[in-house]
Amino acid sequence: MQLKSNNNVVSVRGNISSIGDFESIENALTTACENHKNIILIIYDSLVINSSLIGHLVKLVNQDGVNLSLQTGSEILFELLDDLGLSEILKVKRL
């Protein structure tokens, strides 16, 4: 997994599969949230995300009041998040 963070945009390339991947993304989002309340998370090609990341994203939106937009280039991930009823909460969009 490759992770880049620039201001309020956090981008991920590659599969998100391990707890270490989750922790890296969590840290990047936490840093971005320190200075911004509008965050864009771009997941280019991972087919899935782990439940820890889903829980953290929902917490950011529902408890911390972050305006989060998740953009994905993976149709499989897009459909998974839609099936889980998270499309509206996470403002999921296709790249």
N, C-alpha and C. Protein backbone atom coordinates (compact mmCIF):
# COMPACT_ATOMS: atom_id res chain seq x y z
N MET A 1 0.84 -1.18 0.00
CA MET A 1 0.00 0.00 0.00
C MET A 1 0.88 1.24 0.00
N GLN A 2 0.50 2.22 -0.81
CA GLN A 2 1.18 3.51 -0.83
C GLN A 2 0.20 4.57 -0.35
N LEU A 3 0.67 5.41 0.57
CA LEU A 3 -0.18 6.43 1.19
C LEU A 3 0.45 7.79 1.00
N LYS A 4 -0.37 8.75 0.55
CA LYS A 4 0.09 10.14 0.44
C LYS A 4 -0.95 11.04 1.10
N SER A 5 -0.45 12.07 1.76
CA SER A 5 -1.34 13.02 2.41
C SER A 5 -0.88 14.43 2.07
N ASN A 6 -1.81 15.25 1.62
CA ASN A 6 -1.51 16.63 1.27
C ASN A 6 -2.68 17.50 1.70
N ASN A 7 -2.47 18.30 2.73
CA ASN A 7 -3.52 19.15 3.30
C ASN A 7 -4.72 18.30 3.71
N ASN A 8 -5.85 18.46 3.01
CA ASN A 8 -7.06 17.74 3.40
C ASN A 8 -7.34 16.52 2.52
N VAL A 9 -6.37 16.12 1.70
CA VAL A 9 -6.54 14.96 0.81
C VAL A 9 -5.60 13.84 1.22
N VAL A 10 -6.19 12.67 1.49
CA VAL A 10 -5.41 11.47 1.80
C VAL A 10 -5.68 10.48 0.67
N SER A 11 -4.62 10.02 0.01
CA SER A 11 -4.80 9.10 -1.11
C SER A 11 -4.07 7.79 -0.85
N VAL A 12 -4.70 6.71 -1.28
CA VAL A 12 -4.18 5.36 -1.05
C VAL A 12 -4.15 4.61 -2.38
N ARG A 13 -3.01 4.02 -2.66
CA ARG A 13 -2.87 3.14 -3.83
C ARG A 13 -2.48 1.75 -3.33
N GLY A 14 -3.03 0.73 -3.95
CA GLY A 14 -2.74 -0.64 -3.54
C GLY A 14 -3.81 -1.15 -2.58
N ASN A 15 -3.68 -2.42 -2.23
CA ASN A 15 -4.67 -3.05 -1.36
C ASN A 15 -4.50 -2.64 0.09
N ILE A 16 -5.60 -2.38 0.75
CA ILE A 16 -5.62 -2.11 2.18
C ILE A 16 -5.98 -3.44 2.83
N SER A 17 -4.98 -4.08 3.46
CA SER A 17 -5.25 -5.43 3.92
C SER A 17 -4.83 -5.71 5.36
N SER A 18 -3.93 -4.93 5.88
CA SER A 18 -3.41 -5.26 7.21
C SER A 18 -3.79 -4.20 8.24
N ILE A 19 -3.61 -4.56 9.49
CA ILE A 19 -3.82 -3.60 10.58
C ILE A 19 -2.83 -2.45 10.44
N GLY A 20 -1.62 -2.74 9.98
CA GLY A 20 -0.63 -1.69 9.75
C GLY A 20 -1.11 -0.69 8.71
N ASP A 21 -1.77 -1.18 7.65
CA ASP A 21 -2.34 -0.29 6.64
C ASP A 21 -3.40 0.61 7.28
N PHE A 22 -4.27 0.01 8.07
CA PHE A 22 -5.30 0.78 8.77
C PHE A 22 -4.67 1.86 9.64
N GLU A 23 -3.66 1.49 10.42
CA GLU A 23 -3.03 2.45 11.32
C GLU A 23 -2.39 3.60 10.56
N SER A 24 -1.78 3.31 9.43
CA SER A 24 -1.18 4.37 8.61
C SER A 24 -2.24 5.34 8.10
N ILE A 25 -3.35 4.79 7.62
CA ILE A 25 -4.44 5.63 7.11
C ILE A 25 -5.06 6.42 8.26
N GLU A 26 -5.28 5.76 9.39
CA GLU A 26 -5.85 6.43 10.56
C GLU A 26 -4.98 7.61 10.98
N ASN A 27 -3.66 7.42 11.03
CA ASN A 27 -2.75 8.50 11.41
C ASN A 27 -2.80 9.65 10.41
N ALA A 28 -2.84 9.33 9.13
CA ALA A 28 -2.90 10.37 8.10
C ALA A 28 -4.20 11.16 8.20
N LEU A 29 -5.31 10.47 8.44
CA LEU A 29 -6.60 11.15 8.58
C LEU A 29 -6.63 12.01 9.84
N THR A 30 -6.07 11.50 10.93
CA THR A 30 -6.03 12.26 12.18
C THR A 30 -5.24 13.55 12.00
N THR A 31 -4.11 13.46 11.32
CA THR A 31 -3.30 14.65 11.05
C THR A 31 -4.06 15.64 10.17
N ALA A 32 -4.71 15.14 9.13
CA ALA A 32 -5.48 16.01 8.24
C ALA A 32 -6.62 16.70 8.99
N CYS A 33 -7.25 15.98 9.91
CA CYS A 33 -8.38 16.52 10.66
C CYS A 33 -7.96 17.59 11.68
N GLU A 34 -6.68 17.63 12.02
CA GLU A 34 -6.22 18.65 12.96
C GLU A 34 -6.36 20.04 12.38
N ASN A 35 -6.27 20.18 11.06
CA ASN A 35 -6.32 21.48 10.42
C ASN A 35 -7.50 21.68 9.48
N HIS A 36 -8.24 20.61 9.21
CA HIS A 36 -9.33 20.68 8.24
C HIS A 36 -10.54 19.90 8.75
N LYS A 37 -11.72 20.39 8.42
CA LYS A 37 -12.95 19.65 8.73
C LYS A 37 -13.57 19.05 7.47
N ASN A 38 -13.02 19.37 6.30
CA ASN A 38 -13.44 18.78 5.04
C ASN A 38 -12.29 17.91 4.55
N ILE A 39 -12.52 16.61 4.54
CA ILE A 39 -11.47 15.65 4.20
C ILE A 39 -11.90 14.83 2.98
N ILE A 40 -10.96 14.63 2.06
CA ILE A 40 -11.20 13.77 0.91
C ILE A 40 -10.27 12.57 1.04
N LEU A 41 -10.85 11.39 1.06
CA LEU A 41 -10.09 10.14 1.09
C LEU A 41 -10.25 9.48 -0.27
N ILE A 42 -9.14 9.32 -0.97
CA ILE A 42 -9.16 8.70 -2.30
C ILE A 42 -8.53 7.32 -2.19
N ILE A 43 -9.32 6.31 -2.51
CA ILE A 43 -8.83 4.92 -2.53
C ILE A 43 -8.88 4.49 -3.99
N TYR A 44 -7.71 4.50 -4.61
CA TYR A 44 -7.66 4.29 -6.05
C TYR A 44 -8.05 2.88 -6.48
N ASP A 45 -7.48 1.86 -5.85
CA ASP A 45 -7.66 0.53 -6.43
C ASP A 45 -7.84 -0.61 -5.45
N SER A 46 -7.95 -0.34 -4.18
CA SER A 46 -8.18 -1.43 -3.23
C SER A 46 -9.60 -1.97 -3.42
N LEU A 47 -9.72 -3.28 -3.43
CA LEU A 47 -11.03 -3.89 -3.64
C LEU A 47 -11.87 -3.89 -2.37
N VAL A 48 -11.20 -3.86 -1.21
CA VAL A 48 -11.90 -3.88 0.07
C VAL A 48 -11.18 -2.96 1.05
N ILE A 49 -11.87 -2.64 2.14
CA ILE A 49 -11.24 -1.97 3.27
C ILE A 49 -11.66 -2.74 4.52
N ASN A 50 -10.80 -2.73 5.52
CA ASN A 50 -11.12 -3.54 6.70
C ASN A 50 -12.13 -2.85 7.60
N SER A 51 -12.74 -3.62 8.47
CA SER A 51 -13.81 -3.10 9.32
C SER A 51 -13.30 -2.02 10.28
N SER A 52 -12.04 -2.09 10.66
CA SER A 52 -11.48 -1.06 11.53
C SER A 52 -11.50 0.30 10.84
N LEU A 53 -11.16 0.32 9.55
CA LEU A 53 -11.17 1.57 8.81
C LEU A 53 -12.60 2.07 8.61
N ILE A 54 -13.51 1.17 8.32
CA ILE A 54 -14.91 1.57 8.17
C ILE A 54 -15.40 2.21 9.48
N GLY A 55 -15.12 1.57 10.59
CA GLY A 55 -15.53 2.12 11.89
C GLY A 55 -14.92 3.47 12.15
N HIS A 56 -13.65 3.64 11.82
CA HIS A 56 -12.98 4.93 12.04
C HIS A 56 -13.59 6.02 11.17
N LEU A 57 -13.89 5.71 9.91
CA LEU A 57 -14.50 6.70 9.02
C LEU A 57 -15.88 7.13 9.51
N VAL A 58 -16.67 6.17 9.96
CA VAL A 58 -18.01 6.49 10.49
C VAL A 58 -17.89 7.35 11.74
N LYS A 59 -16.92 7.04 12.60
CA LYS A 59 -16.68 7.84 13.81
C LYS A 59 -16.31 9.28 13.44
N LEU A 60 -15.42 9.43 12.45
CA LEU A 60 -15.02 10.78 12.04
C LEU A 60 -16.23 11.60 11.62
N VAL A 61 -17.14 10.98 10.89
CA VAL A 61 -18.32 11.70 10.39
C VAL A 61 -19.33 11.92 11.51
N ASN A 62 -19.72 10.85 12.20
CA ASN A 62 -20.83 10.94 13.16
C ASN A 62 -20.45 11.55 14.50
N GLN A 63 -19.26 11.31 15.00
CA GLN A 63 -18.89 11.82 16.31
C GLN A 63 -18.03 13.08 16.25
N ASP A 64 -17.12 13.13 15.28
CA ASP A 64 -16.18 14.25 15.21
C ASP A 64 -16.66 15.37 14.29
N GLY A 65 -17.72 15.14 13.54
CA GLY A 65 -18.28 16.18 12.68
C GLY A 65 -17.45 16.50 11.45
N VAL A 66 -16.66 15.56 11.00
CA VAL A 66 -15.83 15.76 9.81
C VAL A 66 -16.70 15.59 8.56
N ASN A 67 -16.53 16.49 7.62
CA ASN A 67 -17.19 16.37 6.33
C ASN A 67 -16.28 15.55 5.43
N LEU A 68 -16.55 14.26 5.36
CA LEU A 68 -15.69 13.31 4.66
C LEU A 68 -16.29 12.93 3.32
N SER A 69 -15.45 12.88 2.30
CA SER A 69 -15.85 12.37 1.00
C SER A 69 -14.87 11.27 0.62
N LEU A 70 -15.39 10.08 0.34
CA LEU A 70 -14.56 8.95 -0.06
C LEU A 70 -14.73 8.74 -1.55
N GLN A 71 -13.63 8.79 -2.28
CA GLN A 71 -13.65 8.56 -3.72
C GLN A 71 -12.89 7.28 -4.02
N THR A 72 -13.46 6.45 -4.88
CA THR A 72 -12.81 5.17 -5.18
C THR A 72 -12.81 4.89 -6.67
N GLY A 73 -11.73 4.28 -7.11
CA GLY A 73 -11.63 3.83 -8.49
C GLY A 73 -12.03 2.37 -8.65
N SER A 74 -12.39 1.73 -7.55
CA SER A 74 -12.78 0.32 -7.56
C SER A 74 -14.30 0.19 -7.54
N GLU A 75 -14.84 -0.38 -8.60
CA GLU A 75 -16.28 -0.61 -8.64
C GLU A 75 -16.71 -1.59 -7.55
N ILE A 76 -15.87 -2.56 -7.25
CA ILE A 76 -16.17 -3.54 -6.21
C ILE A 76 -16.29 -2.86 -4.85
N LEU A 77 -15.34 -1.98 -4.52
CA LEU A 77 -15.40 -1.26 -3.25
C LEU A 77 -16.60 -0.33 -3.22
N PHE A 78 -16.87 0.35 -4.32
CA PHE A 78 -18.03 1.23 -4.40
C PHE A 78 -19.31 0.47 -4.08
N GLU A 79 -19.47 -0.69 -4.71
CA GLU A 79 -20.68 -1.49 -4.50
C GLU A 79 -20.73 -2.05 -3.08
N LEU A 80 -19.59 -2.45 -2.52
CA LEU A 80 -19.55 -2.95 -1.15
C LEU A 80 -20.03 -1.89 -0.17
N LEU A 81 -19.51 -0.68 -0.30
CA LEU A 81 -19.90 0.40 0.61
C LEU A 81 -21.38 0.75 0.44
N ASP A 82 -21.87 0.67 -0.80
CA ASP A 82 -23.30 0.91 -1.05
C ASP A 82 -24.15 -0.19 -0.41
N ASP A 83 -23.72 -1.45 -0.57
CA ASP A 83 -24.45 -2.58 0.04
C ASP A 83 -24.49 -2.47 1.56
N LEU A 84 -23.44 -1.91 2.15
CA LEU A 84 -23.38 -1.74 3.61
C LEU A 84 -24.16 -0.51 4.09
N GLY A 85 -24.72 0.25 3.16
CA GLY A 85 -25.49 1.44 3.50
C GLY A 85 -24.62 2.62 3.91
N LEU A 86 -23.39 2.66 3.42
CA LEU A 86 -22.45 3.71 3.83
C LEU A 86 -22.25 4.78 2.76
N SER A 87 -22.90 4.66 1.62
CA SER A 87 -22.68 5.60 0.53
C SER A 87 -23.00 7.03 0.91
N GLU A 88 -24.11 7.23 1.60
CA GLU A 88 -24.50 8.58 1.98
C GLU A 88 -23.66 9.11 3.13
N ILE A 89 -23.43 8.29 4.14
CA ILE A 89 -22.66 8.72 5.31
C ILE A 89 -21.25 9.14 4.91
N LEU A 90 -20.62 8.34 4.05
CA LEU A 90 -19.23 8.59 3.66
C LEU A 90 -19.12 9.37 2.35
N LYS A 91 -20.26 9.76 1.79
CA LYS A 91 -20.30 10.50 0.52
C LYS A 91 -19.41 9.83 -0.53
N VAL A 92 -19.70 8.56 -0.77
CA VAL A 92 -18.88 7.74 -1.67
C VAL A 92 -19.15 8.14 -3.12
N LYS A 93 -18.06 8.34 -3.85
CA LYS A 93 -18.15 8.70 -5.27
C LYS A 93 -17.16 7.86 -6.06
N ARG A 94 -17.47 7.65 -7.32
CA ARG A 94 -16.55 6.97 -8.23
C ARG A 94 -15.53 7.98 -8.74
N LEU A 95 -14.31 7.51 -8.97
CA LEU A 95 -13.29 8.36 -9.59
C LEU A 95 -13.56 8.47 -11.07
